[in-house]
Amino acid sequence: MNIKAAAFQKQIKIGADLVVIDRVKGDDLLYRIMINQNFKGYIQKRDGLFHRIDGSDIHTLLFARICQVLEN
C-alpha cells in the first residue's frame, strides 16, 4: 500500500474521541480520517457536499461534526 503524506492536518476533540483529519496529497477534496488512532476511512467533497467513501467506518454523528470542521 502506498501512503501519501498529508499536506493538511487538523485534530479535533469530539466528546471522548480524538479525530485526526489529513488531506490526501494530490487530491484537495479527499480526507483520511483517524479516530482514537484507528483508521476509519475517507471523506470526499463532491459537488460542494461531503460523502463517506464506501467502506468507511465513521459514525454518522462524528461524520456530521467533521463536515462542520472541514467547512470552516
N, C-alpha and C. Protein backbone atom coordinates (compact mmCIF):
# COMPACT_ATOMS: atom_id res chain seq x y z
N MET A 1 0.84 -1.18 0.00
CA MET A 1 0.00 0.00 0.00
C MET A 1 0.88 1.23 0.00
N ASN A 2 0.63 2.13 -0.90
CA ASN A 2 1.40 3.36 -0.99
C ASN A 2 0.66 4.48 -0.27
N ILE A 3 1.23 4.96 0.84
CA ILE A 3 0.59 6.01 1.63
C ILE A 3 1.25 7.33 1.29
N LYS A 4 0.44 8.32 0.95
CA LYS A 4 0.96 9.64 0.60
C LYS A 4 0.93 10.53 1.83
N ALA A 5 1.89 11.43 1.93
CA ALA A 5 1.97 12.35 3.07
C ALA A 5 0.84 13.37 3.01
N ALA A 6 0.43 13.81 4.16
CA ALA A 6 -0.66 14.79 4.24
C ALA A 6 -0.11 16.20 4.08
N ALA A 7 -0.86 17.03 3.37
CA ALA A 7 -0.50 18.43 3.19
C ALA A 7 -1.24 19.30 4.19
N PHE A 8 -2.23 18.76 4.85
CA PHE A 8 -3.09 19.48 5.78
C PHE A 8 -3.47 18.49 6.88
N GLN A 9 -3.39 18.94 8.12
CA GLN A 9 -3.82 18.07 9.21
C GLN A 9 -4.54 18.90 10.25
N LYS A 10 -5.64 18.37 10.74
CA LYS A 10 -6.41 19.03 11.78
C LYS A 10 -6.78 17.99 12.83
N GLN A 11 -6.63 18.34 14.10
CA GLN A 11 -7.03 17.46 15.19
C GLN A 11 -8.16 18.13 15.95
N ILE A 12 -9.21 17.36 16.21
CA ILE A 12 -10.33 17.89 16.98
C ILE A 12 -10.75 16.86 18.02
N LYS A 13 -11.26 17.35 19.12
CA LYS A 13 -11.77 16.50 20.19
C LYS A 13 -13.29 16.57 20.12
N ILE A 14 -13.92 15.42 19.96
CA ILE A 14 -15.38 15.33 19.92
C ILE A 14 -15.78 14.36 21.02
N GLY A 15 -16.29 14.89 22.11
CA GLY A 15 -16.61 14.04 23.25
C GLY A 15 -15.35 13.37 23.75
N ALA A 16 -15.35 12.06 23.83
CA ALA A 16 -14.19 11.30 24.29
C ALA A 16 -13.26 10.91 23.14
N ASP A 17 -13.63 11.27 21.91
CA ASP A 17 -12.87 10.85 20.73
C ASP A 17 -11.92 11.93 20.23
N LEU A 18 -10.71 11.52 19.87
CA LEU A 18 -9.76 12.40 19.21
C LEU A 18 -9.79 12.05 17.72
N VAL A 19 -10.16 13.03 16.91
CA VAL A 19 -10.29 12.83 15.47
C VAL A 19 -9.16 13.58 14.78
N VAL A 20 -8.43 12.88 13.92
CA VAL A 20 -7.36 13.48 13.13
C VAL A 20 -7.78 13.43 11.67
N ILE A 21 -7.79 14.60 11.03
CA ILE A 21 -8.20 14.73 9.64
C ILE A 21 -6.97 15.11 8.83
N ASP A 22 -6.62 14.29 7.85
CA ASP A 22 -5.48 14.55 6.97
C ASP A 22 -5.97 14.66 5.54
N ARG A 23 -5.57 15.73 4.86
CA ARG A 23 -5.87 15.84 3.43
C ARG A 23 -4.90 14.94 2.68
N VAL A 24 -5.39 14.19 1.75
CA VAL A 24 -4.54 13.28 0.97
C VAL A 24 -3.79 14.10 -0.07
N LYS A 25 -2.49 13.95 -0.07
CA LYS A 25 -1.64 14.70 -1.01
C LYS A 25 -2.02 14.34 -2.44
N GLY A 26 -2.17 15.37 -3.25
CA GLY A 26 -2.52 15.15 -4.65
C GLY A 26 -4.01 15.24 -4.92
N ASP A 27 -4.84 15.28 -3.87
CA ASP A 27 -6.29 15.39 -4.04
C ASP A 27 -6.82 16.28 -2.92
N ASP A 28 -7.06 17.54 -3.24
CA ASP A 28 -7.50 18.51 -2.22
C ASP A 28 -8.91 18.25 -1.71
N LEU A 29 -9.62 17.32 -2.29
CA LEU A 29 -11.00 17.04 -1.88
C LEU A 29 -11.16 15.70 -1.19
N LEU A 30 -10.05 15.05 -0.85
CA LEU A 30 -10.09 13.74 -0.21
C LEU A 30 -9.39 13.82 1.14
N TYR A 31 -10.05 13.34 2.20
CA TYR A 31 -9.53 13.42 3.57
C TYR A 31 -9.48 12.03 4.20
N ARG A 32 -8.37 11.74 4.87
CA ARG A 32 -8.19 10.47 5.61
C ARG A 32 -8.61 10.75 7.05
N ILE A 33 -9.42 9.88 7.63
CA ILE A 33 -9.95 10.08 8.98
C ILE A 33 -9.42 9.01 9.92
N MET A 34 -8.83 9.47 11.02
CA MET A 34 -8.36 8.59 12.10
C MET A 34 -9.14 9.00 13.36
N ILE A 35 -9.68 8.02 14.05
CA ILE A 35 -10.40 8.28 15.30
C ILE A 35 -9.75 7.43 16.39
N ASN A 36 -9.25 8.10 17.42
CA ASN A 36 -8.54 7.42 18.51
C ASN A 36 -7.43 6.52 17.97
N GLN A 37 -6.66 7.04 17.05
CA GLN A 37 -5.51 6.37 16.44
C GLN A 37 -5.88 5.14 15.61
N ASN A 38 -7.13 5.04 15.21
CA ASN A 38 -7.58 3.94 14.34
C ASN A 38 -8.10 4.52 13.03
N PHE A 39 -7.62 3.99 11.91
CA PHE A 39 -8.09 4.43 10.61
C PHE A 39 -9.56 4.06 10.46
N LYS A 40 -10.39 5.06 10.10
CA LYS A 40 -11.83 4.82 9.95
C LYS A 40 -12.33 4.98 8.53
N GLY A 41 -11.52 5.56 7.65
CA GLY A 41 -11.94 5.68 6.26
C GLY A 41 -11.64 7.04 5.69
N TYR A 42 -12.29 7.32 4.57
CA TYR A 42 -12.07 8.56 3.84
C TYR A 42 -13.38 9.33 3.69
N ILE A 43 -13.23 10.66 3.62
CA ILE A 43 -14.33 11.55 3.31
C ILE A 43 -13.91 12.32 2.07
N GLN A 44 -14.83 12.47 1.11
CA GLN A 44 -14.54 13.20 -0.11
C GLN A 44 -15.59 14.28 -0.32
N LYS A 45 -15.13 15.44 -0.80
CA LYS A 45 -16.05 16.52 -1.12
C LYS A 45 -16.36 16.48 -2.61
N ARG A 46 -17.65 16.30 -2.94
CA ARG A 46 -18.11 16.26 -4.32
C ARG A 46 -19.29 17.18 -4.48
N ASP A 47 -19.25 18.03 -5.47
CA ASP A 47 -20.36 18.96 -5.75
C ASP A 47 -20.75 19.78 -4.53
N GLY A 48 -19.75 20.16 -3.73
CA GLY A 48 -19.99 21.00 -2.57
C GLY A 48 -20.48 20.27 -1.33
N LEU A 49 -20.64 18.95 -1.40
CA LEU A 49 -21.11 18.16 -0.26
C LEU A 49 -20.07 17.11 0.11
N PHE A 50 -20.02 16.75 1.39
CA PHE A 50 -19.10 15.72 1.85
C PHE A 50 -19.78 14.35 1.83
N HIS A 51 -19.01 13.34 1.44
CA HIS A 51 -19.52 11.97 1.36
C HIS A 51 -18.50 11.02 1.99
N ARG A 52 -19.00 10.02 2.71
CA ARG A 52 -18.13 8.95 3.18
C ARG A 52 -17.86 8.01 2.01
N ILE A 53 -16.61 7.65 1.83
CA ILE A 53 -16.25 6.70 0.77
C ILE A 53 -16.70 5.31 1.21
N ASP A 54 -17.16 4.50 0.28
CA ASP A 54 -17.60 3.13 0.60
C ASP A 54 -16.58 2.41 1.46
N GLY A 55 -17.06 1.75 2.50
CA GLY A 55 -16.19 1.01 3.41
C GLY A 55 -15.75 1.83 4.61
N SER A 56 -16.07 3.12 4.63
CA SER A 56 -15.71 3.95 5.77
C SER A 56 -16.52 3.55 7.00
N ASP A 57 -15.86 3.56 8.15
CA ASP A 57 -16.49 3.18 9.41
C ASP A 57 -16.57 4.40 10.33
N ILE A 58 -17.14 5.50 9.80
CA ILE A 58 -17.25 6.75 10.55
C ILE A 58 -18.69 6.89 11.00
N HIS A 59 -18.89 6.98 12.31
CA HIS A 59 -20.24 7.12 12.87
C HIS A 59 -20.91 8.37 12.31
N THR A 60 -22.21 8.32 12.10
CA THR A 60 -22.96 9.41 11.49
C THR A 60 -22.81 10.73 12.24
N LEU A 61 -22.86 10.70 13.57
CA LEU A 61 -22.73 11.93 14.34
C LEU A 61 -21.32 12.52 14.25
N LEU A 62 -20.30 11.65 14.26
CA LEU A 62 -18.93 12.14 14.09
C LEU A 62 -18.74 12.68 12.68
N PHE A 63 -19.33 12.02 11.70
CA PHE A 63 -19.24 12.48 10.31
C PHE A 63 -19.81 13.89 10.18
N ALA A 64 -20.95 14.14 10.79
CA ALA A 64 -21.58 15.47 10.72
C ALA A 64 -20.68 16.52 11.35
N ARG A 65 -20.08 16.23 12.48
CA ARG A 65 -19.19 17.19 13.15
C ARG A 65 -17.93 17.42 12.33
N ILE A 66 -17.37 16.37 11.74
CA ILE A 66 -16.18 16.50 10.90
C ILE A 66 -16.48 17.39 9.71
N CYS A 67 -17.66 17.23 9.11
CA CYS A 67 -18.05 18.06 7.97
C CYS A 67 -18.14 19.54 8.36
N GLN A 68 -18.65 19.82 9.56
CA GLN A 68 -18.69 21.20 10.05
C GLN A 68 -17.29 21.78 10.16
N VAL A 69 -16.37 21.01 10.68
CA VAL A 69 -15.00 21.47 10.83
C VAL A 69 -14.35 21.73 9.47
N LEU A 70 -14.58 20.84 8.52
CA LEU A 70 -13.98 20.99 7.20
C LEU A 70 -14.56 22.18 6.43
N GLU A 71 -15.78 22.55 6.70
CA GLU A 71 -16.40 23.71 6.04
C GLU A 71 -15.75 25.01 6.48
N ASN A 72 -15.21 25.06 7.69
CA ASN A 72 -14.63 26.32 8.21
C ASN A 72 -13.20 26.46 7.87
